[in-house]
C-alpha atoms as a PDB file:
ATOM      1  CA  MET A   1     102.209  85.876 111.904  1.00  0.00           C
ATOM      2  CA  PRO A   2     104.210  83.288 110.019  1.00  0.00           C
ATOM      3  CA  THR A   3     106.966  84.458 107.551  1.00  0.00           C
ATOM      4  CA  PRO A   4     106.344  83.825 103.778  1.00  0.00           C
ATOM      5  CA  ALA A   5     109.204  81.003 104.112  1.00  0.00           C
ATOM      6  CA  GLY A   6     107.326  79.609 107.081  1.00  0.00           C
ATOM      7  CA  GLN A   7     104.133  79.614 105.060  1.00  0.00           C
ATOM      8  CA  TRP A   8     105.879  77.941 102.099  1.00  0.00           C
ATOM      9  CA  VAL A   9     107.147  75.119 104.437  1.00  0.00           C
ATOM     10  CA  ALA A  10     103.698  74.473 105.891  1.00  0.00           C
ATOM     11  CA  ALA A  11     102.219  74.374 102.523  1.00  0.00           C
ATOM     12  CA  HIS A  12     104.672  72.514 100.501  1.00  0.00           C
ATOM     13  CA  ALA A  13     106.792  70.354 102.543  1.00  0.00           C
ATOM     14  CA  GLU A  14     105.776  66.838 103.864  1.00  0.00           C
ATOM     15  CA  GLN A  15     105.397  67.275 107.643  1.00  0.00           C
ATOM     16  CA  PRO A  16     108.514  66.518 109.561  1.00  0.00           C
ATOM     17  CA  PRO A  17     108.539  65.077 113.182  1.00  0.00           C
ATOM     18  CA  ILE A  18     107.206  67.369 115.790  1.00  0.00           C
ATOM     19  CA  ALA A  19     110.454  68.270 117.310  1.00  0.00           C
ATOM     20  CA  LEU A  20     111.826  69.391 113.934  1.00  0.00           C
ATOM     21  CA  ARG A  21     108.758  71.299 112.791  1.00  0.00           C
ATOM     22  CA  ALA A  22     108.881  73.178 116.032  1.00  0.00           C
ATOM     23  CA  ARG A  23     112.523  74.167 115.585  1.00  0.00           C
ATOM     24  CA  LEU A  24     111.788  75.104 111.913  1.00  0.00           C
ATOM     25  CA  ASP A  25     108.868  77.333 113.027  1.00  0.00           C
ATOM     26  CA  ALA A  26     111.050  78.894 115.799  1.00  0.00           C
ATOM     27  CA  ILE A  27     113.895  79.534 113.472  1.00  0.00           C
ATOM     28  CA  LEU A  28     111.643  80.920 110.617  1.00  0.00           C
ATOM     29  CA  ASN A  29     109.694  83.171 113.084  1.00  0.00           C
ATOM     30  CA  LEU A  30     112.926  84.968 113.918  1.00  0.00           C
ATOM     31  CA  ALA A  31     113.521  85.642 110.173  1.00  0.00           C
ATOM     32  CA  SER A  32     114.077  89.376 109.875  1.00  0.00           C
ATOM     33  CA  ALA A  33     111.988  91.616 107.430  1.00  0.00           C
ATOM     34  CA  ASP A  34     114.707  91.607 104.759  1.00  0.00           C
ATOM     35  CA  ARG A  35     114.244  87.801 104.361  1.00  0.00           C
ATOM     36  CA  GLU A  36     110.582  88.060 103.651  1.00  0.00           C
ATOM     37  CA  ALA A  37     110.695  89.040  99.958  1.00  0.00           C
ATOM     38  CA  SER A  38     111.586  85.738  98.394  1.00  0.00           C
ATOM     39  CA  VAL A  39     111.234  82.398  99.982  1.00  0.00           C
ATOM     40  CA  ALA A  40     114.208  80.501  98.712  1.00  0.00           C
ATOM     41  CA  PRO A  41     116.836  83.042  99.741  1.00  0.00           C
ATOM     42  CA  ALA A  42     115.280  83.388 103.129  1.00  0.00           C
ATOM     43  CA  LEU A  43     115.164  79.649 103.825  1.00  0.00           C
ATOM     44  CA  LEU A  44     118.846  79.501 102.685  1.00  0.00           C
ATOM     45  CA  ASP A  45     119.854  82.265 104.844  1.00  0.00           C
ATOM     46  CA  ALA A  46     118.177  80.937 107.878  1.00  0.00           C
ATOM     47  CA  GLY A  47     119.939  77.666 107.382  1.00  0.00           C
ATOM     48  CA  GLN A  48     123.316  79.275 106.883  1.00  0.00           C
ATOM     49  CA  ASP A  49     122.856  81.432 109.992  1.00  0.00           C
ATOM     50  CA  LEU A  50     121.749  78.507 112.080  1.00  0.00           C
ATOM     51  CA  LEU A  51     124.878  76.565 110.859  1.00  0.00           C
ATOM     52  CA  ALA A  52     127.137  79.475 111.665  1.00  0.00           C
ATOM     53  CA  THR A  53     125.788  79.603 115.166  1.00  0.00           C
ATOM     54  CA  ILE A  54     126.148  75.866 115.833  1.00  0.00           C
ATOM     55  CA  LEU A  55     129.704  76.145 114.662  1.00  0.00           C
ATOM     56  CA  ALA A  56     130.444  79.251 116.632  1.00  0.00           C
ATOM     57  CA  LEU A  57     129.127  77.621 119.754  1.00  0.00           C
ATOM     58  CA  GLY A  58     131.219  74.455 119.062  1.00  0.00           C
ATOM     59  CA  CYS A  59     127.970  72.444 119.175  1.00  0.00           C
ATOM     60  CA  VAL A  60     129.298  69.191 117.504  1.00  0.00           C
ATOM     61  CA  GLN A  61     127.924  66.771 120.133  1.00  0.00           C
ATOM     62  CA  ARG A  62     124.697  64.784 119.988  1.00  0.00           C
ATOM     63  CA  ASP A  63     122.738  67.718 121.814  1.00  0.00           C
ATOM     64  CA  ALA A  64     123.304  69.924 118.607  1.00  0.00           C
ATOM     65  CA  ALA A  65     121.544  67.214 116.484  1.00  0.00           C
ATOM     66  CA  LEU A  66     118.325  68.976 116.164  1.00  0.00           C
ATOM     67  CA  ASP A  67     119.717  72.207 115.183  1.00  0.00           C
ATOM     68  CA  LEU A  68     121.964  70.291 112.574  1.00  0.00           C
ATOM     69  CA  LEU A  69     118.854  68.591 111.242  1.00  0.00           C
ATOM     70  CA  THR A  70     117.044  72.041 111.030  1.00  0.00           C
ATOM     71  CA  ALA A  71     119.750  73.572 109.101  1.00  0.00           C
ATOM     72  CA  ASP A  72     119.800  70.731 106.694  1.00  0.00           C
ATOM     73  CA  ALA A  73     116.045  70.993 106.328  1.00  0.00           C
ATOM     74  CA  LEU A  74     116.199  74.795 105.694  1.00  0.00           C
ATOM     75  CA  VAL A  75     118.817  74.390 102.989  1.00  0.00           C
ATOM     76  CA  THR A  76     116.944  71.300 101.394  1.00  0.00           C
ATOM     77  CA  TYR A  77     113.550  73.359 101.494  1.00  0.00           C
ATOM     78  CA  ALA A  78     115.388  76.421  99.963  1.00  0.00           C
ATOM     79  CA  PHE A  79     116.456  74.269  96.973  1.00  0.00           C
ATOM     80  CA  GLU A  80     112.787  72.817  96.665  1.00  0.00           C
ATOM     81  CA  ALA A  81     111.397  76.351  96.509  1.00  0.00           C
ATOM     82  CA  ALA A  82     114.217  77.418  94.106  1.00  0.00           C
ATOM     83  CA  ALA A  83     113.189  74.703  91.841  1.00  0.00           C
ATOM     84  CA  ASP A  84     110.159  76.760  90.984  1.00  0.00           C
ATOM     85  CA  ASP A  85     112.645  78.838  88.773  1.00  0.00           C
ATOM     86  CA  PRO A  86     114.750  76.203  87.132  1.00  0.00           C
ATOM     87  CA  SER A  87     116.440  78.692  85.048  1.00  0.00           C
ATOM     88  CA  SER A  88     118.390  80.284  88.252  1.00  0.00           C
ATOM     89  CA  LEU A  89     119.016  77.010  89.995  1.00  0.00           C
ATOM     90  CA  ASP A  90     122.591  76.419  88.822  1.00  0.00           C
ATOM     91  CA  GLU A  91     123.440  79.878  90.010  1.00  0.00           C
ATOM     92  CA  ARG A  92     121.615  79.591  93.232  1.00  0.00           C
ATOM     93  CA  ALA A  93     123.528  76.386  94.018  1.00  0.00           C
ATOM     94  CA  ALA A  94     126.891  77.915  93.175  1.00  0.00           C
ATOM     95  CA  GLN A  95     126.074  80.842  95.452  1.00  0.00           C
ATOM     96  CA  ALA A  96     124.916  78.417  98.170  1.00  0.00           C
ATOM     97  CA  MET A  97     127.933  76.330  98.037  1.00  0.00           C
ATOM     98  CA  ARG A  98     130.167  79.355  98.364  1.00  0.00           C
ATOM     99  CA  ALA A  99     128.337  80.912 101.319  1.00  0.00           C
ATOM    100  CA  ILE A 100     128.045  77.611 103.330  1.00  0.00           C
ATOM    101  CA  ALA A 101     131.797  76.961 102.478  1.00  0.00           C
ATOM    102  CA  ALA A 102     132.449  80.396 103.925  1.00  0.00           C
ATOM    103  CA  VAL A 103     130.642  79.668 107.146  1.00  0.00           C
ATOM    104  CA  VAL A 104     132.711  76.669 107.711  1.00  0.00           C
ATOM    105  CA  ASP A 105     135.906  78.195 106.442  1.00  0.00           C
ATOM    106  CA  ALA A 106     135.247  81.326 108.904  1.00  0.00           C
ATOM    107  CA  ARG A 107     135.085  78.850 111.893  1.00  0.00           C
ATOM    108  CA  ALA A 108     138.179  77.089 110.782  1.00  0.00           C
ATOM    109  CA  THR A 109     140.386  80.093 110.908  1.00  0.00           C
END
């Protein structure tokens, strides 16, 4: 059964290329139960987790391109979903930037 985030992507997003869609589905189907309450945070968490995995594996070559595109799409969709509540968008953006920067900083140290 698709997660709420997966359902949101299917209903709201323009359909991406087949390979990207399959990777999005795979990542979102792995989403844990604690991510199912709110779509935007679930998408953002999934994107951050995937980015952390990519960096931890040292995957900076072309073969990591699909995962990088998937992480980017997840974060983009998170902000599209968050736009449904514009009053929280500034704070969400600030939190996301801090969290993504922390992923990169953790890898750099």
